Protein backbone atom coordinates (compact mmCIF):
# COMPACT_ATOMS: atom_id res chain seq x y z
CA MET A 1 -17.54 -14.14 41.86
CA ILE A 2 -15.93 -11.49 39.53
CA GLN A 3 -17.75 -10.68 36.78
CA LYS A 4 -15.82 -11.79 32.90
CA VAL A 5 -14.99 -9.58 30.66
CA LYS A 6 -15.95 -10.45 27.17
CA ALA A 7 -13.30 -10.21 24.68
CA SER A 8 -14.14 -8.72 21.68
CA THR A 9 -11.90 -6.29 19.11
CA LEU A 10 -13.89 -3.06 18.40
CA PRO A 11 -15.66 -2.58 15.07
CA GLY A 12 -13.82 -1.43 12.63
CA PHE A 13 -10.59 -2.82 13.64
CA LEU A 14 -8.28 -5.55 11.53
CA GLU A 15 -7.11 -8.76 13.56
CA LEU A 16 -5.43 -11.79 12.03
CA LEU A 17 -4.32 -14.83 12.89
CA PRO A 18 -0.27 -15.94 12.69
CA GLN A 19 -0.85 -17.63 9.27
CA ASP A 20 -2.14 -14.52 7.77
CA GLN A 21 -0.38 -12.05 9.85
CA ILE A 22 2.34 -13.88 8.04
CA LEU A 23 1.21 -13.18 4.63
CA PHE A 24 0.37 -9.79 5.92
CA ASN A 25 3.74 -8.90 7.03
CA GLU A 26 5.07 -10.77 3.57
CA MET A 27 3.41 -8.37 1.49
CA MET A 28 4.19 -5.20 3.46
CA ASP A 29 8.25 -6.77 3.80
CA THR A 30 7.51 -6.68 -0.55
CA ILE A 31 6.24 -3.18 -0.53
CA ARG A 32 8.98 -2.26 1.69
CA ARG A 33 11.88 -3.81 -0.65
CA ASN A 34 10.04 -2.19 -3.93
CA PHE A 35 10.49 1.20 -2.08
CA GLU A 36 13.54 0.89 -1.27
CA LYS A 37 14.96 -0.58 -4.17
CA HIS A 38 14.02 3.02 -5.84
CA GLY A 39 15.84 4.92 -3.80
CA PHE A 40 12.68 6.01 -1.72
CA LEU A 41 14.05 6.93 2.76
CA PRO A 42 12.26 5.64 5.72
CA ILE A 43 10.82 7.91 7.62
CA ASP A 44 8.05 7.60 10.76
CA THR A 45 5.87 10.40 12.82
CA PRO A 46 4.13 9.73 15.95
CA ALA A 47 0.65 8.40 15.58
CA ILE A 48 -0.43 11.63 17.66
CA GLU A 49 -0.30 14.96 16.09
CA ARG A 50 -1.51 18.36 17.44
CA THR A 51 -5.10 19.20 16.24
CA GLU A 52 -4.33 22.32 14.84
CA VAL A 53 -1.18 20.60 12.34
CA LEU A 54 -3.97 18.11 11.44
CA LEU A 55 -6.30 20.42 10.82
CA ALA A 56 -4.44 22.92 9.02
CA LYS A 57 -6.09 22.45 5.86
CA GLY A 58 -9.53 22.42 7.18
CA GLY A 59 -12.41 21.91 4.30
CA GLY A 60 -14.58 18.00 3.74
CA ASN A 61 -15.28 15.95 6.57
CA THR A 62 -11.76 15.28 8.11
CA GLU A 63 -12.81 17.00 11.65
CA LYS A 64 -15.86 14.89 12.40
CA GLN A 65 -13.03 11.40 11.16
CA ILE A 66 -11.03 12.40 13.65
CA TYR A 67 -10.02 10.64 17.20
CA ARG A 68 -9.09 13.64 19.62
CA PHE A 69 -8.72 14.27 22.67
CA THR A 70 -6.79 16.53 25.71
CA LYS A 71 -4.17 15.84 27.45
CA GLY A 72 -3.89 18.71 30.15
CA ASP A 73 -3.76 21.68 27.91
CA THR A 74 -2.79 20.00 24.86
CA ASP A 75 -5.08 19.37 21.96
CA MET A 76 -4.27 16.60 20.00
CA SER A 77 -5.66 13.81 17.47
CA LEU A 78 -4.49 10.05 15.72
CA ARG A 79 -3.32 11.03 12.17
CA PHE A 80 -5.96 10.26 9.64
CA ASP A 81 -3.57 10.05 6.85
CA LEU A 82 0.39 9.88 6.02
CA THR A 83 0.21 13.24 4.11
CA VAL A 84 -0.40 15.82 6.80
CA PRO A 85 2.39 14.45 8.86
CA LEU A 86 5.06 14.38 5.38
CA ALA A 87 4.09 18.10 5.57
CA ARG A 88 5.09 18.87 8.77
CA TYR A 89 8.04 16.92 8.64
CA THR A 90 9.62 18.40 5.66
CA VAL A 91 9.09 21.67 7.07
CA GLU A 92 9.81 20.83 10.95
CA HIS A 93 13.26 19.16 9.35
CA PHE A 94 13.53 21.38 6.20
CA ASN A 95 16.92 22.26 6.71
CA GLU A 96 18.22 18.70 7.57
CA LEU A 97 16.77 17.04 4.33
CA SER A 98 18.16 17.04 0.81
CA PHE A 99 16.03 17.65 -2.32
CA PRO A 100 14.74 15.97 -4.21
CA PHE A 101 13.51 14.33 -0.75
CA ARG A 102 12.49 10.87 -1.47
CA ARG A 103 10.37 8.83 1.22
CA TYR A 104 8.30 6.49 2.12
CA HIS A 105 6.35 5.46 5.13
CA ILE A 106 4.18 2.39 5.96
CA ALA A 107 2.44 3.20 9.12
CA LYS A 108 -1.23 2.93 10.82
CA VAL A 109 -3.59 5.28 10.13
CA TYR A 110 -6.93 5.96 11.87
CA ARG A 111 -10.53 7.65 11.15
CA GLY A 112 -13.48 7.50 12.74
CA GLU A 113 -15.74 6.76 10.12
CA LYS A 114 -18.59 3.97 9.72
CA ALA A 115 -17.39 0.43 10.06
CA GLN A 116 -17.89 -1.72 6.67
CA LYS A 117 -16.87 -4.51 5.46
CA GLY A 118 -13.58 -4.13 4.07
CA ARG A 119 -13.39 -0.63 5.01
CA PHE A 120 -11.54 0.11 8.66
CA ARG A 121 -11.31 2.45 11.11
CA GLU A 122 -7.53 1.26 11.72
CA PHE A 123 -5.52 0.31 8.64
CA TYR A 124 -2.16 0.21 6.94
CA GLN A 125 -0.87 2.48 4.65
CA CYS A 126 1.99 2.96 2.71
CA ASP A 127 2.96 5.78 1.20
CA ILE A 128 5.89 6.89 -1.35
CA ASP A 129 6.58 11.11 -2.17
CA THR A 130 9.38 12.88 -3.95
CA ILE A 131 9.14 16.49 -2.53
CA GLY A 132 11.00 19.36 -4.35
CA ASN A 133 12.31 22.77 -3.01
CA GLU A 134 10.57 25.70 -5.03
CA LYS A 135 10.37 22.50 -8.51
CA LEU A 136 10.40 19.05 -9.15
CA ASP A 137 10.80 17.98 -12.82
CA ILE A 138 8.06 15.78 -14.44
CA THR A 139 10.72 12.69 -15.02
CA ASN A 140 9.81 11.88 -10.92
CA ASP A 141 6.00 11.97 -11.88
CA ALA A 142 6.55 8.98 -14.53
CA GLU A 143 9.01 6.99 -11.60
CA ILE A 144 5.89 6.69 -9.14
CA PRO A 145 4.47 4.49 -12.38
CA VAL A 146 7.65 2.46 -12.36
CA VAL A 147 7.40 1.13 -8.73
CA ILE A 148 3.89 0.49 -9.08
CA TYR A 149 4.90 -1.83 -12.10
CA HIS A 150 7.52 -3.73 -9.98
CA THR A 151 5.80 -3.78 -6.58
CA PHE A 152 2.40 -5.05 -7.48
CA LYS A 153 4.75 -7.27 -10.07
CA ASP A 154 6.38 -8.63 -6.83
CA LEU A 155 3.10 -9.05 -5.03
CA GLY A 156 2.16 -11.87 -7.24
CA PHE A 157 -0.04 -9.69 -9.82
CA ASP A 158 0.58 -9.84 -13.80
CA GLU A 159 -2.88 -8.57 -15.10
CA PHE A 160 -2.71 -5.33 -13.45
CA THR A 161 -3.48 -1.80 -15.09
CA ILE A 162 -2.25 1.45 -13.89
CA ARG A 163 -4.35 4.30 -15.46
CA ILE A 164 -2.73 7.73 -16.13
CA ASN A 165 -4.21 11.16 -16.05
CA ASN A 166 -3.63 14.87 -15.63
CA ARG A 167 -5.62 17.11 -13.81
CA ARG A 168 -4.53 20.06 -15.48
CA LEU A 169 -5.78 18.94 -18.84
CA LEU A 170 -9.02 18.69 -17.63
CA LYS A 171 -8.96 21.79 -15.95
CA GLY A 172 -7.92 23.07 -18.96
CA PHE A 173 -10.88 21.75 -21.32
CA TYR A 174 -13.15 22.41 -18.79
CA GLU A 175 -12.25 26.25 -18.98
CA SER A 176 -12.25 26.35 -22.61
CA LEU A 177 -15.89 25.44 -22.18
CA GLY A 178 -16.42 28.44 -19.73
CA ILE A 179 -16.32 26.03 -16.60
CA THR A 180 -13.93 28.44 -14.25
CA ASP A 181 -14.73 26.38 -11.03
CA SER A 182 -13.59 22.90 -12.05
CA VAL A 183 -13.68 21.50 -8.71
CA GLU A 184 -17.01 20.13 -8.49
CA VAL A 185 -16.62 18.87 -11.72
CA LEU A 186 -13.75 16.76 -11.19
CA ARG A 187 -15.75 15.86 -8.38
CA ILE A 188 -18.51 14.17 -10.21
CA VAL A 189 -16.50 12.86 -13.20
CA ASP A 190 -14.15 10.54 -10.87
CA LYS A 191 -17.35 8.40 -10.50
CA ILE A 192 -17.78 7.76 -14.16
CA ASP A 193 -16.59 4.10 -13.40
CA LYS A 194 -19.13 3.78 -10.87
CA ILE A 195 -22.30 5.39 -11.54
CA GLY A 196 -21.97 5.29 -15.34
CA LYS A 197 -22.09 7.74 -18.04
CA GLU A 198 -25.87 9.08 -17.92
CA ASN A 199 -25.68 9.64 -14.04
CA VAL A 200 -22.57 11.56 -14.64
CA ARG A 201 -24.44 13.88 -17.29
CA LEU A 202 -27.05 14.23 -14.74
CA GLU A 203 -25.63 15.54 -12.06
CA LEU A 204 -23.49 17.79 -14.09
CA LEU A 205 -26.54 19.52 -14.98
CA GLU A 206 -27.77 19.94 -11.69
CA LEU A 207 -24.36 21.42 -10.93
CA GLY A 208 -26.07 24.10 -13.52
CA LEU A 209 -24.09 22.63 -16.42
CA THR A 210 -25.80 23.45 -19.93
CA GLU A 211 -26.95 20.23 -21.61
CA GLU A 212 -24.00 21.09 -24.35
CA GLN A 213 -21.35 20.75 -21.30
CA ALA A 214 -22.59 18.12 -19.84
CA ASP A 215 -22.19 16.17 -22.76
CA LYS A 216 -19.41 17.39 -24.40
CA ILE A 217 -17.52 16.58 -20.77
CA VAL A 218 -18.97 12.74 -21.16
CA GLU A 219 -17.73 12.54 -24.76
CA PHE A 220 -14.20 14.10 -23.96
CA THR A 221 -14.14 11.64 -20.60
CA LEU A 222 -14.81 8.61 -22.74
CA ILE A 223 -11.81 9.07 -25.16
CA THR A 224 -10.18 5.28 -25.86
CA GLY A 225 -7.40 3.47 -27.41
CA THR A 226 -3.68 3.64 -27.00
CA SER A 227 -1.67 6.57 -26.33
CA GLU A 228 -0.76 7.52 -29.02
CA GLU A 229 -4.25 7.66 -30.58
CA VAL A 230 -5.84 9.44 -27.32
CA PHE A 231 -3.04 11.70 -28.00
CA LYS A 232 -4.25 12.45 -31.69
CA ALA A 233 -8.13 12.87 -30.60
CA LEU A 234 -6.95 15.35 -28.02
CA GLU A 235 -4.65 17.29 -30.39
CA ASP A 236 -7.67 17.26 -33.42
CA LEU A 237 -10.12 19.40 -30.78
CA ASN A 238 -7.83 22.32 -31.33
CA ILE A 239 -8.09 23.66 -27.85
CA GLU A 240 -6.54 26.55 -27.44
CA ASN A 241 -6.41 26.82 -23.63
CA GLU A 242 -3.02 26.96 -21.80
CA VAL A 243 -3.80 24.74 -18.89
CA PHE A 244 -4.99 22.45 -21.35
CA ASN A 245 -1.67 22.47 -23.69
CA VAL A 246 0.30 22.32 -20.71
CA GLY A 247 -1.18 19.33 -18.89
CA LEU A 248 -1.00 17.43 -22.32
CA THR A 249 2.74 18.03 -22.88
CA GLU A 250 3.14 16.67 -19.47
CA LEU A 251 1.56 13.57 -20.15
CA LYS A 252 2.55 13.11 -23.28
CA GLN A 253 6.32 13.30 -21.27
CA VAL A 254 5.26 10.72 -18.56
CA ILE A 255 3.73 8.11 -20.88
CA LYS A 256 7.46 8.96 -23.11
CA TYR A 257 9.37 8.00 -20.07
CA ILE A 258 7.24 5.25 -18.33
CA GLU A 259 7.66 3.51 -22.19
CA GLU A 260 11.88 4.34 -21.36
CA TYR A 261 11.25 2.51 -18.16
CA ASP A 262 10.57 -0.84 -19.81
CA VAL A 263 7.12 -0.80 -18.36
CA PRO A 264 4.67 -2.90 -20.62
CA VAL A 265 2.33 -1.30 -22.52
CA GLU A 266 -0.22 -3.71 -21.43
CA ASN A 267 0.80 -2.23 -17.39
CA PHE A 268 -0.12 1.29 -17.90
CA THR A 269 -2.61 3.39 -20.00
CA VAL A 270 -3.91 7.12 -20.58
CA ASP A 271 -7.51 7.15 -18.88
CA LEU A 272 -9.35 10.03 -18.99
CA LYS A 273 -11.66 8.83 -17.02
CA ILE A 274 -9.07 9.43 -13.98
CA ALA A 275 -9.70 12.71 -12.12
CA ARG A 276 -8.84 11.82 -8.55
CA GLY A 277 -11.62 13.78 -6.64
CA LEU A 278 -9.90 15.56 -4.12
CA ASP A 279 -9.33 19.41 -4.78
CA TYR A 280 -5.33 18.33 -3.46
CA TYR A 281 -4.08 17.04 -6.73
CA THR A 282 -2.98 19.58 -9.70
CA GLY A 283 -1.54 17.59 -12.36
CA THR A 284 -0.49 13.70 -12.54
CA VAL A 285 -3.14 11.80 -11.10
CA TYR A 286 -2.53 7.58 -10.68
CA GLU A 287 -4.94 4.63 -10.36
CA THR A 288 -4.08 0.93 -10.37
CA SER A 289 -6.57 -1.57 -10.69
CA LEU A 290 -6.63 -5.50 -10.78
CA ASP A 291 -7.66 -6.62 -14.65
CA ASN A 292 -9.41 -9.90 -13.09
CA TYR A 293 -11.08 -8.13 -10.11
CA PRO A 294 -12.54 -4.82 -10.89
CA LYS A 295 -15.15 -5.18 -8.32
CA ILE A 296 -12.15 -3.87 -5.24
CA GLY A 297 -11.78 -0.78 -7.35
CA SER A 298 -8.53 1.44 -6.98
CA VAL A 299 -5.71 -0.71 -5.40
CA CYS A 300 -3.05 2.31 -5.23
CA SER A 301 -3.63 5.57 -6.19
CA GLY A 302 -2.15 9.24 -6.10
CA GLY A 303 -0.75 11.94 -7.85
CA ARG A 304 1.41 15.37 -8.40
CA TYR A 305 0.25 18.12 -5.71
CA ASP A 306 1.74 21.66 -6.30
CA ASP A 307 2.64 22.51 -2.45
CA LEU A 308 2.37 20.37 0.17
CA ALA A 309 3.08 22.67 2.70
CA SER A 310 1.32 25.97 2.03
CA ASN A 311 -0.33 25.69 5.71
CA TYR A 312 2.88 25.51 7.26
CA THR A 313 5.65 27.35 5.20
CA ASP A 314 6.07 29.96 2.35
CA LYS A 315 8.36 27.74 0.81
CA LYS A 316 6.82 26.18 -2.13
CA LEU A 317 7.41 22.52 -1.66
CA PRO A 318 5.19 20.32 -4.79
CA GLY A 319 5.56 16.65 -4.89
CA VAL A 320 4.01 13.76 -6.66
CA GLY A 321 2.82 10.54 -4.30
CA ILE A 322 1.27 7.55 -4.22
CA SER A 323 -0.24 5.52 -1.70
CA ILE A 324 -1.40 1.57 -1.04
CA GLY A 325 -4.06 0.91 1.42
CA LEU A 326 -2.61 -2.22 2.66
CA SER A 327 -5.18 -3.29 5.05
CA ARG A 328 -8.27 -2.83 2.99
CA LEU A 329 -6.02 -4.36 -0.26
CA PHE A 330 -5.10 -7.68 2.07
CA TYR A 331 -9.06 -7.81 3.62
CA GLN A 332 -9.80 -7.41 -0.19
CA LEU A 333 -8.12 -9.74 -1.58
CA ASN A 334 -8.07 -12.28 1.17
CA GLU A 335 -12.18 -12.28 1.05
CA ALA A 336 -11.97 -13.69 -2.94
CA LYS A 337 -9.57 -16.31 -2.32
CA ILE A 338 -6.67 -14.21 -4.59
CA ILE A 339 -4.46 -14.73 -1.95
CA LYS A 340 -4.13 -17.41 0.73
CA PRO A 341 -1.73 -18.31 3.62
CA LYS A 342 1.46 -20.85 2.74
CA ARG A 343 2.82 -20.91 5.85
CA LYS A 344 1.23 -21.04 9.72
CA SER A 345 4.42 -20.63 11.35
CA LEU A 346 8.20 -19.06 10.84
CA ILE A 347 10.63 -21.87 11.93
CA ASP A 348 12.04 -24.90 10.00
CA LEU A 349 12.50 -27.27 12.82
CA ILE A 350 11.59 -28.27 16.33
CA VAL A 351 13.39 -30.29 18.56
CA ILE A 352 11.77 -32.50 20.94
CA PRO A 353 14.13 -34.15 23.98
CA MET A 354 13.38 -37.10 25.68
CA ASP A 355 12.81 -36.13 29.36
CA GLU A 356 16.65 -36.01 30.79
CA TYR A 357 18.18 -34.47 27.57
CA VAL A 358 16.54 -30.95 27.73
CA GLU A 359 20.04 -29.28 28.02
CA ASP A 360 21.63 -31.39 25.24
CA ALA A 361 18.63 -30.45 22.73
CA ILE A 362 19.23 -26.71 24.19
CA LYS A 363 23.10 -26.83 22.66
CA LEU A 364 21.80 -28.59 19.23
CA VAL A 365 18.74 -25.85 18.78
CA SER A 366 21.87 -22.93 19.94
CA LYS A 367 23.98 -25.19 17.06
CA LEU A 368 21.45 -24.81 14.36
CA ARG A 369 20.40 -21.32 15.21
CA LEU A 370 24.13 -20.11 15.18
CA GLY A 371 23.76 -22.05 11.42
CA ASN A 372 20.84 -19.41 10.53
CA ILE A 373 18.26 -22.59 11.09
CA ASP A 374 15.16 -21.03 12.50
CA CYS A 375 13.71 -23.39 15.37
CA ILE A 376 12.45 -23.68 18.66
CA ILE A 377 12.59 -26.43 21.74
CA TYR A 378 9.51 -28.27 22.72
CA THR A 379 9.50 -29.33 26.32
CA GLU A 380 6.36 -29.12 27.36
CA GLU A 381 4.71 -32.69 29.10
CA GLY A 382 3.09 -35.79 26.28
CA LYS A 383 2.95 -38.28 24.19
CA LEU A 384 5.29 -38.06 21.27
CA GLY A 385 2.75 -38.44 19.31
CA LYS A 386 0.93 -35.30 20.80
CA LYS A 387 4.22 -33.38 20.36
CA PHE A 388 4.18 -34.51 16.78
CA LYS A 389 1.00 -33.03 15.93
CA TYR A 390 2.24 -29.73 17.48
CA ALA A 391 4.55 -29.90 15.10
CA ASP A 392 1.85 -30.92 12.47
CA ALA A 393 -0.48 -28.13 13.58
CA LEU A 394 2.51 -25.23 12.82
CA GLU A 395 3.16 -27.26 9.22
CA VAL A 396 6.64 -26.60 11.03
CA PRO A 397 8.93 -28.99 8.39
CA TYR A 398 11.15 -31.12 9.97
CA VAL A 399 11.47 -32.48 13.65
CA VAL A 400 14.29 -33.57 15.45
CA VAL A 401 14.04 -36.06 18.35
CA ILE A 402 17.15 -36.33 21.05
CA GLY A 403 17.84 -39.22 23.20
CA GLU A 404 20.57 -41.46 24.08
CA ASN A 405 21.77 -42.37 21.44
CA GLU A 406 21.67 -38.71 19.38
CA VAL A 407 23.44 -37.75 22.21
CA LYS A 408 26.01 -40.15 22.00
CA THR A 409 26.51 -40.39 18.54
CA GLU A 410 26.32 -36.83 17.67
CA LYS A 411 23.83 -37.90 14.50
CA TYR A 412 20.54 -36.98 15.26
CA SER A 413 17.46 -38.20 13.19
CA LEU A 414 15.67 -35.67 11.32
CA ARG A 415 11.98 -36.42 10.55
CA ASP A 416 10.20 -35.24 7.43
CA MET A 417 6.53 -34.27 8.11
CA GLN A 418 5.34 -33.95 4.87
CA SER A 419 6.81 -37.59 4.03
CA GLY A 420 7.98 -39.17 7.10
CA GLU A 421 11.19 -39.49 5.64
CA GLN A 422 14.12 -39.74 8.23
CA GLU A 423 17.48 -39.26 7.91
CA GLU A 424 20.53 -39.87 10.15
CA LEU A 425 22.38 -36.68 10.11
CA THR A 426 25.23 -34.25 11.39
CA VAL A 427 24.45 -31.08 12.72
CA GLU A 428 26.22 -29.48 10.37
CA GLU A 429 24.87 -31.92 7.38
CA ILE A 430 20.78 -30.73 8.86
CA ILE A 431 22.05 -27.52 8.44
CA GLU A 432 23.23 -27.79 4.95
CA LYS A 433 19.91 -29.92 4.16
CA ILE A 434 17.33 -27.38 5.32
CA LYS A 435 19.10 -24.14 3.91
């Protein structure tokens, strides 16, 4: 007897039933439509890249997290994000692209980290980036929150907040306190919402900062209010640092332009707690959260970077972008019952033929499809009740049973599966009704 293999997915890999997959795809389509509506062009890159390309930047736990293997003499790995492939793509196709290059990329990425509830080893990311050649105007930083706003509105959310800050502002402030290397400070400050201000203060002291420096950083980070109130508080600090003042000017410009785009003030705010721990970001930074579901955390984040591809070219390619981790977002929204599937199938109608009328049913299905009605034919054996149960199980709205009378009169009994009502209609009338 042949030994059976247990059917199971690997830990950390998301697999959905059709009704959930339909909802997932609808969310992805909504995101894609918004990206395209705002002028971002689609690209796709191979899931596998040369390992030397992926690891060119180095640092962190990247090398431990990638799925790496060899085939022949080629050392390759699965991509762990969509930004490194973008950098490689932009350099490789530089002479064929028009700048600013606005691209979107929706694809799976792979990280060999410990599988946890809601965190996956294979997951979809939805990214947009605008890449400049040598320079990139600050208006591009303001447009990113506009895309975020319209995307989450179209996903069905009203109460969400896009939190905005500027890394130059933070770096300049730390420099004014005598802190020249601010990377670790930024990493600690970025955790303030998770670990609280007292733990942030303790970690800053452990880093070697004085009590005065730690206190001033915490006090600065917790400045709140309207945009105007925050800007006034920052100006009142009278900090004479060029980096700080450039950051403040940029932040003011970004907020002003967002307002001009008619994004409601309740959906965005200046938040000095947002630091984005990666040393990758250099200017504007963003995080988006759902107001009524703070435990979910950031659902969309990103920012401005000075040089996308310094590991691959001498050309300076500044950019700004954001990423939505769709798999994680979908899982968390689904678990919290914030979203739920609306459909179990994608068809409008099932045609059920009596035994000798299969060919007529096929002709009917063909006509209905030409009329843009999504439908199928059900030809499996069984009683009529069983066939109706199949339609019920898939929550198909309508059923047509075709037999001798329907073929003769060319009128078909259209059954509404929810109400149970039936109407005798021609093919054209069926198409019109379902549309």
